[in-house]
């Protein structure tokens, strides 16, 4: 194996291990597809082409993966949310990743709690929420 191929394989293995350990934090396996970037932008693969292939928006991928930029590199494992994705709940941490279109009332109803209880648990001063933010969901 060439030196470059070995280095690439090592990165893929590390990326897969990291994804296995931390990726499920905000994406449930039955709701998303794990996708490993295999080509760079020079070969035609960028976040826009991946989003188009799976019929989701670039914003959906960015929010689902907590990305700070739209740049993806070879070997990176990203999660593709399902179409019409809902936010993601981590039962171990009791947290919820807000999806585009979510509102506090619907989130409270989904988890059997109240808007007020969520507001208190998150030290919120208004009912406004933003996609990509994480809410602590109080036990009810």
C-alpha atoms as a PDB file:
ATOM      1  CA  UNK A   1       0.000   0.000   0.000  1.00  0.00           C
ATOM      2  CA  UNK A   2       1.280   3.448  -0.783  1.00  0.00           C
ATOM      3  CA  UNK A   3       2.064   5.819   2.068  1.00  0.00           C
ATOM      4  CA  UNK A   4      -0.832   8.093   1.098  1.00  0.00           C
ATOM      5  CA  UNK A   5      -3.275   5.197   1.048  1.00  0.00           C
ATOM      6  CA  UNK A   6      -2.168   4.068   4.526  1.00  0.00           C
ATOM      7  CA  UNK A   7      -2.589   7.566   5.890  1.00  0.00           C
ATOM      8  CA  UNK A   8      -6.033   7.833   4.318  1.00  0.00           C
ATOM      9  CA  UNK A   9      -7.061   4.458   5.752  1.00  0.00           C
ATOM     10  CA  UNK A  10      -5.885   5.480   9.213  1.00  0.00           C
ATOM     11  CA  UNK A  11      -7.936   8.682   8.993  1.00  0.00           C
ATOM     12  CA  UNK A  12     -11.003   6.724   7.895  1.00  0.00           C
ATOM     13  CA  UNK A  13     -10.627   4.306  10.802  1.00  0.00           C
ATOM     14  CA  UNK A  14     -10.174   7.136  13.298  1.00  0.00           C
ATOM     15  CA  UNK A  15     -13.124   9.030  11.809  1.00  0.00           C
ATOM     16  CA  UNK A  16     -15.326   5.939  12.034  1.00  0.00           C
ATOM     17  CA  UNK A  17     -14.293   5.333  15.644  1.00  0.00           C
ATOM     18  CA  UNK A  18     -14.957   8.939  16.623  1.00  0.00           C
ATOM     19  CA  UNK A  19     -18.296   8.879  14.834  1.00  0.00           C
ATOM     20  CA  UNK A  20     -19.246   5.671  16.602  1.00  0.00           C
ATOM     21  CA  UNK A  21     -18.368   7.170  19.987  1.00  0.00           C
ATOM     22  CA  UNK A  22     -19.736  10.675  19.572  1.00  0.00           C
ATOM     23  CA  UNK A  23     -21.863  10.771  16.443  1.00  0.00           C
ATOM     24  CA  UNK A  24     -24.900   9.206  18.035  1.00  0.00           C
ATOM     25  CA  UNK A  25     -25.039  12.085  20.502  1.00  0.00           C
ATOM     26  CA  UNK A  26     -27.304  14.101  18.279  1.00  0.00           C
ATOM     27  CA  UNK A  27     -28.395  11.675  15.594  1.00  0.00           C
ATOM     28  CA  UNK A  28     -30.279   8.486  16.218  1.00  0.00           C
ATOM     29  CA  UNK A  29     -29.232   5.596  13.990  1.00  0.00           C
ATOM     30  CA  UNK A  30     -32.742   4.911  12.744  1.00  0.00           C
ATOM     31  CA  UNK A  31     -33.169   8.529  11.686  1.00  0.00           C
ATOM     32  CA  UNK A  32     -29.980   9.346   9.800  1.00  0.00           C
ATOM     33  CA  UNK A  33     -27.442   7.942   7.379  1.00  0.00           C
ATOM     34  CA  UNK A  34     -23.732   7.961   8.223  1.00  0.00           C
ATOM     35  CA  UNK A  35     -21.832   9.055   5.121  1.00  0.00           C
ATOM     36  CA  UNK A  36     -18.050   9.045   4.727  1.00  0.00           C
ATOM     37  CA  UNK A  37     -16.651  11.671   2.372  1.00  0.00           C
ATOM     38  CA  UNK A  38     -14.532   9.750  -0.153  1.00  0.00           C
ATOM     39  CA  UNK A  39     -13.662  12.423  -2.698  1.00  0.00           C
ATOM     40  CA  UNK A  40     -12.437  15.966  -2.267  1.00  0.00           C
ATOM     41  CA  UNK A  41     -13.791  19.094  -3.901  1.00  0.00           C
ATOM     42  CA  UNK A  42     -11.284  18.623  -6.725  1.00  0.00           C
ATOM     43  CA  UNK A  43     -13.062  15.375  -7.645  1.00  0.00           C
ATOM     44  CA  UNK A  44     -16.465  17.028  -7.419  1.00  0.00           C
ATOM     45  CA  UNK A  45     -17.663  16.137  -3.930  1.00  0.00           C
ATOM     46  CA  UNK A  46     -18.668  18.980  -1.668  1.00  0.00           C
ATOM     47  CA  UNK A  47     -21.441  19.517   0.832  1.00  0.00           C
ATOM     48  CA  UNK A  48     -23.803  20.792  -1.874  1.00  0.00           C
ATOM     49  CA  UNK A  49     -23.447  17.623  -3.974  1.00  0.00           C
ATOM     50  CA  UNK A  50     -23.927  15.402  -0.922  1.00  0.00           C
ATOM     51  CA  UNK A  51     -27.038  17.364   0.105  1.00  0.00           C
ATOM     52  CA  UNK A  52     -28.420  17.097  -3.431  1.00  0.00           C
ATOM     53  CA  UNK A  53     -27.746  13.365  -3.592  1.00  0.00           C
ATOM     54  CA  UNK A  54     -29.804  12.772  -0.431  1.00  0.00           C
ATOM     55  CA  UNK A  55     -32.401  15.479  -1.179  1.00  0.00           C
ATOM     56  CA  UNK A  56     -31.751  17.488   1.984  1.00  0.00           C
ATOM     57  CA  UNK A  57     -30.488  21.032   2.388  1.00  0.00           C
ATOM     58  CA  UNK A  58     -26.937  22.079   3.138  1.00  0.00           C
ATOM     59  CA  UNK A  59     -28.323  23.758   6.269  1.00  0.00           C
ATOM     60  CA  UNK A  60     -29.815  20.418   7.413  1.00  0.00           C
ATOM     61  CA  UNK A  61     -26.392  18.746   7.138  1.00  0.00           C
ATOM     62  CA  UNK A  62     -24.610  21.638   8.856  1.00  0.00           C
ATOM     63  CA  UNK A  63     -27.082  21.674  11.768  1.00  0.00           C
ATOM     64  CA  UNK A  64     -27.236  17.892  12.152  1.00  0.00           C
ATOM     65  CA  UNK A  65     -23.457  17.647  12.354  1.00  0.00           C
ATOM     66  CA  UNK A  66     -22.806  20.822  14.318  1.00  0.00           C
ATOM     67  CA  UNK A  67     -20.506  22.098  11.574  1.00  0.00           C
ATOM     68  CA  UNK A  68     -19.098  25.608  11.780  1.00  0.00           C
ATOM     69  CA  UNK A  69     -18.465  25.809   8.022  1.00  0.00           C
ATOM     70  CA  UNK A  70     -19.775  24.095   4.906  1.00  0.00           C
ATOM     71  CA  UNK A  71     -16.348  22.614   4.206  1.00  0.00           C
ATOM     72  CA  UNK A  72     -16.006  18.824   4.309  1.00  0.00           C
ATOM     73  CA  UNK A  73     -12.835  16.827   3.752  1.00  0.00           C
ATOM     74  CA  UNK A  74     -11.987  13.323   2.594  1.00  0.00           C
ATOM     75  CA  UNK A  75     -12.419  10.825   5.428  1.00  0.00           C
ATOM     76  CA  UNK A  76     -14.920  12.915   7.346  1.00  0.00           C
ATOM     77  CA  UNK A  77     -18.020  11.054   8.515  1.00  0.00           C
ATOM     78  CA  UNK A  78     -21.125  13.212   8.296  1.00  0.00           C
ATOM     79  CA  UNK A  79     -24.687  12.334   9.147  1.00  0.00           C
ATOM     80  CA  UNK A  80     -27.408  12.878   6.587  1.00  0.00           C
ATOM     81  CA  UNK A  81     -30.728  13.677   8.261  1.00  0.00           C
ATOM     82  CA  UNK A  82     -33.893  12.171   6.871  1.00  0.00           C
ATOM     83  CA  UNK A  83     -36.109  14.391   4.759  1.00  0.00           C
ATOM     84  CA  UNK A  84     -38.405  16.429   6.969  1.00  0.00           C
ATOM     85  CA  UNK A  85     -36.020  15.789   9.851  1.00  0.00           C
ATOM     86  CA  UNK A  86     -37.161  16.233  13.385  1.00  0.00           C
ATOM     87  CA  UNK A  87     -34.873  17.436  16.116  1.00  0.00           C
ATOM     88  CA  UNK A  88     -32.766  14.845  17.866  1.00  0.00           C
ATOM     89  CA  UNK A  89     -33.183  13.744  21.455  1.00  0.00           C
ATOM     90  CA  UNK A  90     -30.354  12.271  23.511  1.00  0.00           C
ATOM     91  CA  UNK A  91     -32.042  10.347  26.336  1.00  0.00           C
ATOM     92  CA  UNK A  92     -28.786   9.861  28.273  1.00  0.00           C
ATOM     93  CA  UNK A  93     -28.109  13.594  28.500  1.00  0.00           C
ATOM     94  CA  UNK A  94     -31.752  14.674  28.431  1.00  0.00           C
ATOM     95  CA  UNK A  95     -31.004  17.132  25.637  1.00  0.00           C
ATOM     96  CA  UNK A  96     -32.768  17.977  22.414  1.00  0.00           C
ATOM     97  CA  UNK A  97     -31.197  19.440  19.257  1.00  0.00           C
ATOM     98  CA  UNK A  98     -33.657  21.943  17.808  1.00  0.00           C
ATOM     99  CA  UNK A  99     -34.613  21.340  14.164  1.00  0.00           C
ATOM    100  CA  UNK A 100     -35.702  23.994  11.671  1.00  0.00           C
ATOM    101  CA  UNK A 101     -39.390  24.761  12.213  1.00  0.00           C
ATOM    102  CA  UNK A 102     -39.517  23.566  15.832  1.00  0.00           C
ATOM    103  CA  UNK A 103     -41.357  25.667  18.378  1.00  0.00           C
ATOM    104  CA  UNK A 104     -41.195  25.488  22.146  1.00  0.00           C
ATOM    105  CA  UNK A 105     -44.839  24.471  22.599  1.00  0.00           C
ATOM    106  CA  UNK A 106     -44.496  21.459  20.270  1.00  0.00           C
ATOM    107  CA  UNK A 107     -41.243  20.392  21.935  1.00  0.00           C
ATOM    108  CA  UNK A 108     -42.835  20.626  25.384  1.00  0.00           C
ATOM    109  CA  UNK A 109     -45.853  18.615  24.231  1.00  0.00           C
ATOM    110  CA  UNK A 110     -43.624  15.959  22.615  1.00  0.00           C
ATOM    111  CA  UNK A 111     -41.769  15.382  25.885  1.00  0.00           C
ATOM    112  CA  UNK A 112     -44.735  15.700  28.243  1.00  0.00           C
ATOM    113  CA  UNK A 113     -43.526  18.869  29.908  1.00  0.00           C
ATOM    114  CA  UNK A 114     -44.345  22.565  29.749  1.00  0.00           C
ATOM    115  CA  UNK A 115     -42.863  25.574  27.992  1.00  0.00           C
ATOM    116  CA  UNK A 116     -42.263  27.088  31.437  1.00  0.00           C
ATOM    117  CA  UNK A 117     -40.347  24.018  32.677  1.00  0.00           C
ATOM    118  CA  UNK A 118     -38.125  24.010  29.580  1.00  0.00           C
ATOM    119  CA  UNK A 119     -37.572  27.751  30.014  1.00  0.00           C
ATOM    120  CA  UNK A 120     -36.490  27.271  33.640  1.00  0.00           C
ATOM    121  CA  UNK A 121     -34.215  24.324  32.817  1.00  0.00           C
ATOM    122  CA  UNK A 122     -32.440  26.425  30.185  1.00  0.00           C
ATOM    123  CA  UNK A 123     -32.491  29.839  31.923  1.00  0.00           C
ATOM    124  CA  UNK A 124     -34.447  31.236  28.964  1.00  0.00           C
ATOM    125  CA  UNK A 125     -35.720  34.809  28.988  1.00  0.00           C
ATOM    126  CA  UNK A 126     -38.033  34.388  25.973  1.00  0.00           C
ATOM    127  CA  UNK A 127     -39.832  31.649  24.043  1.00  0.00           C
ATOM    128  CA  UNK A 128     -37.650  32.163  20.965  1.00  0.00           C
ATOM    129  CA  UNK A 129     -35.511  29.196  19.937  1.00  0.00           C
ATOM    130  CA  UNK A 130     -33.066  28.689  17.100  1.00  0.00           C
ATOM    131  CA  UNK A 131     -32.434  25.616  14.938  1.00  0.00           C
ATOM    132  CA  UNK A 132     -29.176  23.965  15.930  1.00  0.00           C
ATOM    133  CA  UNK A 133     -29.376  25.051  19.575  1.00  0.00           C
ATOM    134  CA  UNK A 134     -29.545  22.421  22.299  1.00  0.00           C
ATOM    135  CA  UNK A 135     -32.227  22.412  24.981  1.00  0.00           C
ATOM    136  CA  UNK A 136     -32.111  20.601  28.290  1.00  0.00           C
ATOM    137  CA  UNK A 137     -35.414  18.712  28.628  1.00  0.00           C
ATOM    138  CA  UNK A 138     -36.575  18.505  32.255  1.00  0.00           C
ATOM    139  CA  UNK A 139     -37.939  15.244  33.614  1.00  0.00           C
ATOM    140  CA  UNK A 140     -41.678  15.343  34.184  1.00  0.00           C
END
